[in-house]
Amino acid sequence: MVGIPFGASYFPTELQLPMKEVLGLRMFLFSTMMAQLVFTFKSKFDNATGLQMVENVPFCLALARIVMEDQQQQGTGDDGSASSTLFFLFGLSSVLVGLVFYL
């Protein structure tokens, strides 16, 4: 129920990426699946439930707008290079947040 709005909100509307809503939904489902697997096999809680936090969506939108703005100011990229930079930053920020939570 929350996957569709989250998935549709990951990327700004001005980013010209085909099927970005479907990609956002896949990102949401993948992160939820990974969280559930970790909670199921590594947690000592009974019936632990993993789900993506709603606070991530504004962070991802702000990150996307910063990357797009920076590349437009430099004149070095189009939406294709902005999306590749975004995917790298989304992955890096996920790993860093995971490490901080683990520590």
N, C-alpha and C. Protein backbone atom coordinates (compact mmCIF):
# COMPACT_ATOMS: atom_id res chain seq x y z
N MET A 1 0.81 -1.19 0.00
CA MET A 1 0.00 0.00 0.00
C MET A 1 0.86 1.27 0.00
N VAL A 2 1.98 1.24 0.70
CA VAL A 2 2.85 2.41 0.72
C VAL A 2 3.91 2.35 -0.37
N GLY A 3 4.07 1.21 -1.01
CA GLY A 3 5.11 1.05 -2.02
C GLY A 3 4.91 1.92 -3.24
N ILE A 4 3.68 2.06 -3.70
CA ILE A 4 3.43 2.84 -4.92
C ILE A 4 3.70 4.31 -4.71
N PRO A 5 3.19 4.96 -3.64
CA PRO A 5 3.54 6.38 -3.46
C PRO A 5 5.03 6.60 -3.21
N PHE A 6 5.66 5.69 -2.45
CA PHE A 6 7.10 5.82 -2.22
C PHE A 6 7.86 5.68 -3.54
N GLY A 7 7.53 4.68 -4.30
CA GLY A 7 8.22 4.43 -5.57
C GLY A 7 8.06 5.56 -6.55
N ALA A 8 6.88 6.16 -6.58
CA ALA A 8 6.63 7.26 -7.51
C ALA A 8 7.30 8.55 -7.05
N SER A 9 7.71 8.64 -5.80
CA SER A 9 8.25 9.88 -5.26
C SER A 9 9.76 9.93 -5.20
N TYR A 10 10.44 8.87 -5.56
CA TYR A 10 11.91 8.86 -5.44
C TYR A 10 12.60 9.90 -6.32
N PHE A 11 12.12 10.03 -7.53
CA PHE A 11 12.80 10.88 -8.51
C PHE A 11 11.96 12.12 -8.79
N PRO A 12 12.62 13.27 -8.99
CA PRO A 12 11.87 14.49 -9.30
C PRO A 12 11.17 14.38 -10.65
N THR A 13 10.09 15.10 -10.80
CA THR A 13 9.33 15.05 -12.06
C THR A 13 10.14 15.63 -13.22
N GLU A 14 11.07 16.54 -12.95
CA GLU A 14 11.84 17.14 -14.04
C GLU A 14 12.95 16.24 -14.57
N LEU A 15 13.23 15.14 -13.90
CA LEU A 15 14.23 14.19 -14.39
C LEU A 15 13.62 13.38 -15.53
N GLN A 16 14.25 13.44 -16.69
CA GLN A 16 13.76 12.73 -17.87
C GLN A 16 14.31 11.32 -17.91
N LEU A 17 13.75 10.48 -17.06
CA LEU A 17 14.16 9.09 -16.98
C LEU A 17 12.93 8.24 -17.29
N PRO A 18 12.99 7.42 -18.34
CA PRO A 18 11.81 6.64 -18.68
C PRO A 18 11.48 5.62 -17.58
N MET A 19 10.21 5.50 -17.28
CA MET A 19 9.68 4.55 -16.30
C MET A 19 10.32 4.71 -14.93
N LYS A 20 10.56 5.96 -14.52
CA LYS A 20 11.20 6.20 -13.23
C LYS A 20 10.32 5.78 -12.05
N GLU A 21 8.99 5.80 -12.22
CA GLU A 21 8.11 5.36 -11.15
C GLU A 21 8.25 3.86 -10.91
N VAL A 22 8.35 3.10 -12.01
CA VAL A 22 8.53 1.65 -11.88
C VAL A 22 9.88 1.35 -11.25
N LEU A 23 10.89 2.08 -11.63
CA LEU A 23 12.21 1.90 -11.04
C LEU A 23 12.19 2.24 -9.55
N GLY A 24 11.50 3.29 -9.18
CA GLY A 24 11.37 3.65 -7.77
C GLY A 24 10.64 2.58 -6.98
N LEU A 25 9.60 1.99 -7.58
CA LEU A 25 8.87 0.91 -6.91
C LEU A 25 9.77 -0.31 -6.73
N ARG A 26 10.58 -0.61 -7.72
CA ARG A 26 11.53 -1.72 -7.59
C ARG A 26 12.55 -1.45 -6.49
N MET A 27 13.01 -0.20 -6.39
CA MET A 27 13.95 0.15 -5.33
C MET A 27 13.30 -0.03 -3.96
N PHE A 28 12.05 0.40 -3.84
CA PHE A 28 11.33 0.26 -2.58
C PHE A 28 11.17 -1.21 -2.21
N LEU A 29 10.74 -2.02 -3.17
CA LEU A 29 10.52 -3.44 -2.89
C LEU A 29 11.82 -4.16 -2.56
N PHE A 30 12.90 -3.81 -3.25
CA PHE A 30 14.19 -4.43 -2.98
C PHE A 30 14.68 -4.08 -1.57
N SER A 31 14.58 -2.81 -1.19
CA SER A 31 15.04 -2.42 0.14
C SER A 31 14.17 -3.05 1.22
N THR A 32 12.88 -3.17 0.97
CA THR A 32 12.00 -3.82 1.94
C THR A 32 12.34 -5.30 2.07
N MET A 33 12.62 -5.95 0.94
CA MET A 33 12.97 -7.36 0.97
C MET A 33 14.29 -7.58 1.72
N MET A 34 15.27 -6.74 1.46
CA MET A 34 16.56 -6.88 2.14
C MET A 34 16.41 -6.64 3.65
N ALA A 35 15.63 -5.63 4.02
CA ALA A 35 15.41 -5.35 5.44
C ALA A 35 14.72 -6.53 6.12
N GLN A 36 13.72 -7.11 5.45
CA GLN A 36 13.02 -8.24 6.04
C GLN A 36 13.92 -9.45 6.19
N LEU A 37 14.77 -9.69 5.20
CA LEU A 37 15.70 -10.82 5.30
C LEU A 37 16.68 -10.63 6.46
N VAL A 38 17.22 -9.43 6.60
CA VAL A 38 18.16 -9.16 7.69
C VAL A 38 17.44 -9.29 9.03
N PHE A 39 16.25 -8.72 9.14
CA PHE A 39 15.52 -8.80 10.41
C PHE A 39 15.13 -10.23 10.74
N THR A 40 14.79 -11.00 9.73
CA THR A 40 14.36 -12.37 9.98
C THR A 40 15.51 -13.25 10.45
N PHE A 41 16.67 -13.11 9.81
CA PHE A 41 17.76 -14.03 10.11
C PHE A 41 18.80 -13.50 11.09
N LYS A 42 18.85 -12.20 11.32
CA LYS A 42 19.89 -11.64 12.19
C LYS A 42 19.34 -10.93 13.43
N SER A 43 18.04 -10.78 13.54
CA SER A 43 17.47 -10.07 14.67
C SER A 43 17.05 -11.04 15.76
N LYS A 44 17.12 -10.57 16.98
CA LYS A 44 16.65 -11.38 18.10
C LYS A 44 15.21 -11.05 18.47
N PHE A 45 14.59 -10.14 17.72
CA PHE A 45 13.19 -9.81 17.95
C PHE A 45 12.30 -10.91 17.39
N ASP A 46 11.21 -11.18 18.07
CA ASP A 46 10.20 -12.07 17.51
C ASP A 46 9.33 -11.26 16.55
N ASN A 47 9.05 -11.80 15.41
CA ASN A 47 8.17 -11.18 14.41
C ASN A 47 8.63 -9.79 13.98
N ALA A 48 9.91 -9.60 13.75
CA ALA A 48 10.42 -8.31 13.30
C ALA A 48 9.97 -8.05 11.87
N THR A 49 9.60 -6.83 11.59
CA THR A 49 9.11 -6.45 10.27
C THR A 49 10.00 -5.36 9.70
N GLY A 50 10.52 -5.59 8.49
CA GLY A 50 11.37 -4.61 7.83
C GLY A 50 10.59 -3.85 6.77
N LEU A 51 10.74 -2.55 6.78
CA LEU A 51 10.08 -1.69 5.80
C LEU A 51 10.93 -0.44 5.65
N GLN A 52 10.84 0.16 4.51
CA GLN A 52 11.61 1.37 4.27
C GLN A 52 11.03 2.53 5.07
N MET A 53 11.92 3.39 5.54
CA MET A 53 11.47 4.55 6.31
C MET A 53 10.98 5.64 5.36
N VAL A 54 9.93 6.33 5.75
CA VAL A 54 9.36 7.39 4.93
C VAL A 54 10.32 8.58 4.84
N GLU A 55 11.23 8.69 5.79
CA GLU A 55 12.16 9.82 5.80
C GLU A 55 13.16 9.75 4.66
N ASN A 56 13.31 8.59 4.04
CA ASN A 56 14.25 8.45 2.93
C ASN A 56 13.80 9.16 1.67
N VAL A 57 12.50 9.27 1.45
CA VAL A 57 12.00 9.84 0.20
C VAL A 57 12.40 11.31 0.04
N PRO A 58 12.18 12.19 1.03
CA PRO A 58 12.65 13.57 0.85
C PRO A 58 14.17 13.67 0.70
N PHE A 59 14.91 12.79 1.38
CA PHE A 59 16.36 12.78 1.25
C PHE A 59 16.75 12.44 -0.19
N CYS A 60 16.10 11.43 -0.77
CA CYS A 60 16.41 11.03 -2.15
C CYS A 60 16.04 12.13 -3.13
N LEU A 61 14.91 12.77 -2.90
CA LEU A 61 14.50 13.88 -3.78
C LEU A 61 15.49 15.04 -3.70
N ALA A 62 15.90 15.40 -2.49
CA ALA A 62 16.86 16.49 -2.32
C ALA A 62 18.19 16.13 -2.97
N LEU A 63 18.63 14.90 -2.80
CA LEU A 63 19.87 14.44 -3.42
C LEU A 63 19.78 14.51 -4.94
N ALA A 64 18.66 14.10 -5.49
CA ALA A 64 18.47 14.13 -6.94
C ALA A 64 18.47 15.57 -7.47
N ARG A 65 17.82 16.45 -6.76
CA ARG A 65 17.78 17.85 -7.22
C ARG A 65 19.15 18.50 -7.13
N ILE A 66 19.92 18.18 -6.11
CA ILE A 66 21.28 18.73 -5.98
C ILE A 66 22.15 18.26 -7.14
N VAL A 67 22.08 16.97 -7.46
CA VAL A 67 22.89 16.44 -8.57
C VAL A 67 22.48 17.07 -9.88
N MET A 68 21.17 17.16 -10.14
CA MET A 68 20.70 17.74 -11.41
C MET A 68 21.09 19.21 -11.52
N GLU A 69 20.96 19.94 -10.43
CA GLU A 69 21.31 21.36 -10.43
C GLU A 69 22.80 21.56 -10.66
N ASP A 70 23.62 20.76 -10.00
CA ASP A 70 25.07 20.87 -10.14
C ASP A 70 25.51 20.56 -11.57
N GLN A 71 24.93 19.54 -12.17
CA GLN A 71 25.33 19.19 -13.53
C GLN A 71 24.81 20.20 -14.56
N GLN A 72 23.69 20.83 -14.27
CA GLN A 72 23.20 21.88 -15.17
C GLN A 72 24.07 23.12 -15.07
N GLN A 73 24.53 23.44 -13.88
CA GLN A 73 25.38 24.62 -13.70
C GLN A 73 26.73 24.43 -14.38
N GLN A 74 27.26 23.23 -14.32
CA GLN A 74 28.54 22.95 -14.94
C GLN A 74 28.40 22.72 -16.44
N GLY A 75 27.20 22.43 -16.88
CA GLY A 75 26.98 22.16 -18.29
C GLY A 75 27.63 20.87 -18.75
N THR A 76 27.83 19.94 -17.83
CA THR A 76 28.57 18.73 -18.17
C THR A 76 27.70 17.52 -18.40
N GLY A 77 26.43 17.63 -18.12
CA GLY A 77 25.65 16.41 -18.22
C GLY A 77 24.23 16.61 -18.67
N ASP A 78 23.66 15.53 -19.11
CA ASP A 78 22.25 15.48 -19.40
C ASP A 78 21.60 14.61 -18.34
N ASP A 79 20.35 14.22 -18.57
CA ASP A 79 19.67 13.41 -17.57
C ASP A 79 20.26 12.01 -17.46
N GLY A 80 20.92 11.53 -18.50
CA GLY A 80 21.55 10.21 -18.43
C GLY A 80 22.70 10.19 -17.45
N SER A 81 23.54 11.21 -17.49
CA SER A 81 24.65 11.25 -16.54
C SER A 81 24.17 11.60 -15.14
N ALA A 82 23.10 12.37 -15.05
CA ALA A 82 22.53 12.67 -13.73
C ALA A 82 21.97 11.40 -13.10
N SER A 83 21.33 10.57 -13.89
CA SER A 83 20.76 9.34 -13.32
C SER A 83 21.85 8.36 -12.89
N SER A 84 22.94 8.27 -13.65
CA SER A 84 24.02 7.36 -13.23
C SER A 84 24.67 7.85 -11.95
N THR A 85 24.85 9.15 -11.81
CA THR A 85 25.38 9.71 -10.56
C THR A 85 24.41 9.48 -9.42
N LEU A 86 23.13 9.62 -9.69
CA LEU A 86 22.12 9.40 -8.66
C LEU A 86 22.11 7.97 -8.17
N PHE A 87 22.18 7.01 -9.07
CA PHE A 87 22.16 5.61 -8.66
C PHE A 87 23.37 5.29 -7.79
N PHE A 88 24.51 5.84 -8.13
CA PHE A 88 25.70 5.65 -7.30
C PHE A 88 25.50 6.25 -5.92
N LEU A 89 24.98 7.48 -5.87
CA LEU A 89 24.78 8.15 -4.58
C LEU A 89 23.71 7.47 -3.75
N PHE A 90 22.64 6.98 -4.38
CA PHE A 90 21.62 6.23 -3.64
C PHE A 90 22.23 4.99 -3.00
N GLY A 91 23.03 4.27 -3.75
CA GLY A 91 23.68 3.07 -3.22
C GLY A 91 24.66 3.40 -2.11
N LEU A 92 25.48 4.42 -2.32
CA LEU A 92 26.46 4.82 -1.31
C LEU A 92 25.78 5.29 -0.03
N SER A 93 24.74 6.08 -0.16
CA SER A 93 24.05 6.56 1.04
C SER A 93 23.36 5.41 1.77
N SER A 94 22.86 4.41 1.04
CA SER A 94 22.25 3.25 1.69
C SER A 94 23.29 2.47 2.48
N VAL A 95 24.46 2.29 1.91
CA VAL A 95 25.52 1.56 2.61
C VAL A 95 25.97 2.34 3.85
N LEU A 96 26.13 3.65 3.73
CA LEU A 96 26.56 4.45 4.87
C LEU A 96 25.52 4.45 5.99
N VAL A 97 24.25 4.58 5.63
CA VAL A 97 23.20 4.54 6.66
C VAL A 97 23.16 3.17 7.33
N GLY A 98 23.32 2.11 6.54
CA GLY A 98 23.36 0.76 7.11
C GLY A 98 24.52 0.58 8.06
N LEU A 99 25.68 1.11 7.72
CA LEU A 99 26.84 1.02 8.61
C LEU A 99 26.63 1.79 9.90
N VAL A 100 26.04 2.97 9.79
CA VAL A 100 25.77 3.77 10.98
C VAL A 100 24.77 3.05 11.89
N PHE A 101 23.71 2.48 11.31
CA PHE A 101 22.75 1.73 12.12
C PHE A 101 23.41 0.52 12.76
N TYR A 102 24.28 -0.13 12.04
CA TYR A 102 24.96 -1.31 12.58
C TYR A 102 25.86 -0.94 13.75
N LEU A 103 26.59 0.16 13.58
CA LEU A 103 27.51 0.58 14.65
C LEU A 103 26.74 1.07 15.86
